[in-house]
Amino acid sequence: MNNQEEFARQRFEFHRQKQALQQMHQQRLTLAYKGGMFKVDLNLYSYLSMANLTVAMFKHEQERILIDMYDTPIKCDVVEMLKLVDERYKEVTNDWLNEYEDLKTKRRVKDVAV
């Protein structure tokens, strides 16, 4: 019975810490740009990548109007913003992965930070 309780405590604590880690890094996935605040996610990343591609291939205009997190229209340079989004996304997800890998190695409840 003691082993089952210990295992249950470990799993509960692991999932709690994993959720806290996710919330912390989700908050870091934001980008302030030209007075707006944007959520850095795969939707924004994909849109900027495609817009950047059309700029390069078809010489379309580099500036697009995007709506930020607070529903404010912001004129953005897609090439510049893609670079910033890419840097932020890589930085946060690399940190997240490193901390998650560290969390996975913890085997006892007392090893996991509360």
C-alpha atoms as a PDB file:
ATOM      1  CA  MET A   1       0.000   0.000   0.000  1.00  0.00           C
ATOM      2  CA  ASN A   2       2.825   2.396   0.839  1.00  0.00           C
ATOM      3  CA  ASN A   3       4.400   1.980  -2.629  1.00  0.00           C
ATOM      4  CA  GLN A   4       1.095   2.735  -4.344  1.00  0.00           C
ATOM      5  CA  GLU A   5       0.565   5.837  -2.238  1.00  0.00           C
ATOM      6  CA  GLU A   6       4.090   7.032  -2.941  1.00  0.00           C
ATOM      7  CA  PHE A   7       3.639   6.392  -6.664  1.00  0.00           C
ATOM      8  CA  ALA A   8       0.322   8.273  -6.671  1.00  0.00           C
ATOM      9  CA  ARG A   9       1.928  11.203  -4.845  1.00  0.00           C
ATOM     10  CA  GLN A  10       4.797  11.258  -7.329  1.00  0.00           C
ATOM     11  CA  ARG A  11       2.491  11.236 -10.334  1.00  0.00           C
ATOM     12  CA  PHE A  12       0.243  13.906  -8.842  1.00  0.00           C
ATOM     13  CA  GLU A  13       3.210  16.145  -8.033  1.00  0.00           C
ATOM     14  CA  PHE A  14       4.757  15.558 -11.455  1.00  0.00           C
ATOM     15  CA  HIS A  15       1.545  16.584 -13.234  1.00  0.00           C
ATOM     16  CA  ARG A  16       1.124  19.598 -10.970  1.00  0.00           C
ATOM     17  CA  GLN A  17       4.678  20.749 -11.687  1.00  0.00           C
ATOM     18  CA  LYS A  18       4.245  20.062 -15.405  1.00  0.00           C
ATOM     19  CA  GLN A  19       1.115  22.217 -15.461  1.00  0.00           C
ATOM     20  CA  ALA A  20       2.865  25.021 -13.547  1.00  0.00           C
ATOM     21  CA  LEU A  21       5.775  24.843 -15.992  1.00  0.00           C
ATOM     22  CA  GLN A  22       3.388  25.088 -18.939  1.00  0.00           C
ATOM     23  CA  GLN A  23       1.600  28.109 -17.492  1.00  0.00           C
ATOM     24  CA  MET A  24       4.881  29.876 -16.740  1.00  0.00           C
ATOM     25  CA  HIS A  25       6.191  29.415 -20.262  1.00  0.00           C
ATOM     26  CA  GLN A  26       2.874  30.228 -21.926  1.00  0.00           C
ATOM     27  CA  GLN A  27       3.056  33.633 -20.224  1.00  0.00           C
ATOM     28  CA  ARG A  28       6.525  34.164 -21.684  1.00  0.00           C
ATOM     29  CA  LEU A  29       5.240  33.480 -25.207  1.00  0.00           C
ATOM     30  CA  THR A  30       4.296  37.108 -25.812  1.00  0.00           C
ATOM     31  CA  LEU A  31       5.933  39.769 -27.924  1.00  0.00           C
ATOM     32  CA  ALA A  32       5.673  43.528 -27.583  1.00  0.00           C
ATOM     33  CA  TYR A  33       5.943  45.061 -31.050  1.00  0.00           C
ATOM     34  CA  LYS A  34       5.221  48.632 -32.176  1.00  0.00           C
ATOM     35  CA  GLY A  35       2.963  49.349 -29.237  1.00  0.00           C
ATOM     36  CA  GLY A  36       1.031  46.081 -29.476  1.00  0.00           C
ATOM     37  CA  MET A  37       1.206  42.839 -27.531  1.00  0.00           C
ATOM     38  CA  PHE A  38       1.115  39.632 -29.546  1.00  0.00           C
ATOM     39  CA  LYS A  39       0.744  36.037 -28.428  1.00  0.00           C
ATOM     40  CA  VAL A  40       3.576  34.016 -29.961  1.00  0.00           C
ATOM     41  CA  ASP A  41       2.017  30.794 -31.176  1.00  0.00           C
ATOM     42  CA  LEU A  42       2.093  28.606 -34.254  1.00  0.00           C
ATOM     43  CA  ASN A  43      -0.757  30.543 -35.878  1.00  0.00           C
ATOM     44  CA  LEU A  44       1.177  33.811 -35.779  1.00  0.00           C
ATOM     45  CA  TYR A  45       4.389  32.027 -36.742  1.00  0.00           C
ATOM     46  CA  SER A  46       2.723  30.379 -39.756  1.00  0.00           C
ATOM     47  CA  TYR A  47       1.026  33.566 -40.921  1.00  0.00           C
ATOM     48  CA  LEU A  48       4.247  35.569 -40.724  1.00  0.00           C
ATOM     49  CA  SER A  49       6.178  32.807 -42.502  1.00  0.00           C
ATOM     50  CA  MET A  50       3.699  32.758 -45.389  1.00  0.00           C
ATOM     51  CA  ALA A  51       3.538  36.548 -45.559  1.00  0.00           C
ATOM     52  CA  ASN A  52       7.342  36.665 -45.576  1.00  0.00           C
ATOM     53  CA  LEU A  53       7.374  34.129 -48.401  1.00  0.00           C
ATOM     54  CA  THR A  54       4.980  36.227 -50.514  1.00  0.00           C
ATOM     55  CA  VAL A  55       7.154  39.283 -49.883  1.00  0.00           C
ATOM     56  CA  ALA A  56      10.232  37.411 -51.078  1.00  0.00           C
ATOM     57  CA  MET A  57       8.653  35.623 -54.047  1.00  0.00           C
ATOM     58  CA  PHE A  58       6.144  38.125 -55.377  1.00  0.00           C
ATOM     59  CA  LYS A  59       7.518  41.409 -54.048  1.00  0.00           C
ATOM     60  CA  HIS A  60       4.339  42.040 -52.076  1.00  0.00           C
ATOM     61  CA  GLU A  61       4.237  44.790 -49.494  1.00  0.00           C
ATOM     62  CA  GLN A  62       6.226  44.046 -46.335  1.00  0.00           C
ATOM     63  CA  GLU A  63       3.788  45.744 -44.004  1.00  0.00           C
ATOM     64  CA  ARG A  64       0.593  44.067 -42.852  1.00  0.00           C
ATOM     65  CA  ILE A  65      -1.976  45.085 -40.299  1.00  0.00           C
ATOM     66  CA  LEU A  66      -2.301  42.553 -37.490  1.00  0.00           C
ATOM     67  CA  ILE A  67      -4.665  42.562 -34.537  1.00  0.00           C
ATOM     68  CA  ASP A  68      -2.879  42.219 -31.188  1.00  0.00           C
ATOM     69  CA  MET A  69      -4.067  40.493 -27.988  1.00  0.00           C
ATOM     70  CA  TYR A  70      -6.086  43.558 -26.995  1.00  0.00           C
ATOM     71  CA  ASP A  71      -7.885  43.848 -30.357  1.00  0.00           C
ATOM     72  CA  THR A  72      -5.776  46.789 -31.494  1.00  0.00           C
ATOM     73  CA  PRO A  73      -4.761  46.973 -35.165  1.00  0.00           C
ATOM     74  CA  ILE A  74      -0.992  47.367 -35.516  1.00  0.00           C
ATOM     75  CA  LYS A  75       0.933  47.937 -38.744  1.00  0.00           C
ATOM     76  CA  CYS A  76       3.742  45.363 -38.752  1.00  0.00           C
ATOM     77  CA  ASP A  77       6.768  44.677 -40.899  1.00  0.00           C
ATOM     78  CA  VAL A  78       6.370  40.928 -41.486  1.00  0.00           C
ATOM     79  CA  VAL A  79      10.074  40.287 -42.114  1.00  0.00           C
ATOM     80  CA  GLU A  80      11.184  42.018 -38.921  1.00  0.00           C
ATOM     81  CA  MET A  81       8.362  40.562 -36.842  1.00  0.00           C
ATOM     82  CA  LEU A  82       8.982  37.016 -38.101  1.00  0.00           C
ATOM     83  CA  LYS A  83      12.575  37.259 -36.928  1.00  0.00           C
ATOM     84  CA  LEU A  84      11.454  38.441 -33.458  1.00  0.00           C
ATOM     85  CA  VAL A  85       8.727  35.787 -33.196  1.00  0.00           C
ATOM     86  CA  ASP A  86      11.152  33.071 -34.257  1.00  0.00           C
ATOM     87  CA  GLU A  87      13.715  34.145 -31.652  1.00  0.00           C
ATOM     88  CA  ARG A  88      11.142  34.336 -28.855  1.00  0.00           C
ATOM     89  CA  TYR A  89       9.532  30.998 -29.758  1.00  0.00           C
ATOM     90  CA  LYS A  90      12.882  29.193 -29.863  1.00  0.00           C
ATOM     91  CA  GLU A  91      14.096  30.784 -26.634  1.00  0.00           C
ATOM     92  CA  VAL A  92      10.969  29.929 -24.631  1.00  0.00           C
ATOM     93  CA  THR A  93      10.452  26.421 -26.023  1.00  0.00           C
ATOM     94  CA  ASN A  94      14.124  25.520 -25.481  1.00  0.00           C
ATOM     95  CA  ASP A  95      13.922  26.701 -21.860  1.00  0.00           C
ATOM     96  CA  TRP A  96      10.638  24.829 -21.450  1.00  0.00           C
ATOM     97  CA  LEU A  97      12.138  21.615 -22.825  1.00  0.00           C
ATOM     98  CA  ASN A  98      15.204  21.858 -20.584  1.00  0.00           C
ATOM     99  CA  GLU A  99      13.094  22.412 -17.475  1.00  0.00           C
ATOM    100  CA  TYR A 100      10.709  19.608 -18.465  1.00  0.00           C
ATOM    101  CA  GLU A 101      13.605  17.185 -18.998  1.00  0.00           C
ATOM    102  CA  ASP A 102      14.925  18.140 -15.558  1.00  0.00           C
ATOM    103  CA  LEU A 103      11.476  17.598 -14.058  1.00  0.00           C
ATOM    104  CA  LYS A 104      11.222  14.131 -15.631  1.00  0.00           C
ATOM    105  CA  THR A 105      14.407  13.004 -13.880  1.00  0.00           C
ATOM    106  CA  LYS A 106      12.952  13.698 -10.433  1.00  0.00           C
ATOM    107  CA  ARG A 107      11.813  10.389  -8.936  1.00  0.00           C
ATOM    108  CA  ARG A 108      10.840  11.285  -5.394  1.00  0.00           C
ATOM    109  CA  VAL A 109       8.295  13.817  -4.175  1.00  0.00           C
ATOM    110  CA  LYS A 110      10.920  15.584  -2.080  1.00  0.00           C
ATOM    111  CA  ASP A 111      13.078  16.096  -5.226  1.00  0.00           C
ATOM    112  CA  VAL A 112      10.319  18.018  -6.987  1.00  0.00           C
ATOM    113  CA  ALA A 113      10.176  21.724  -6.182  1.00  0.00           C
ATOM    114  CA  VAL A 114       6.911  22.741  -4.559  1.00  0.00           C
END
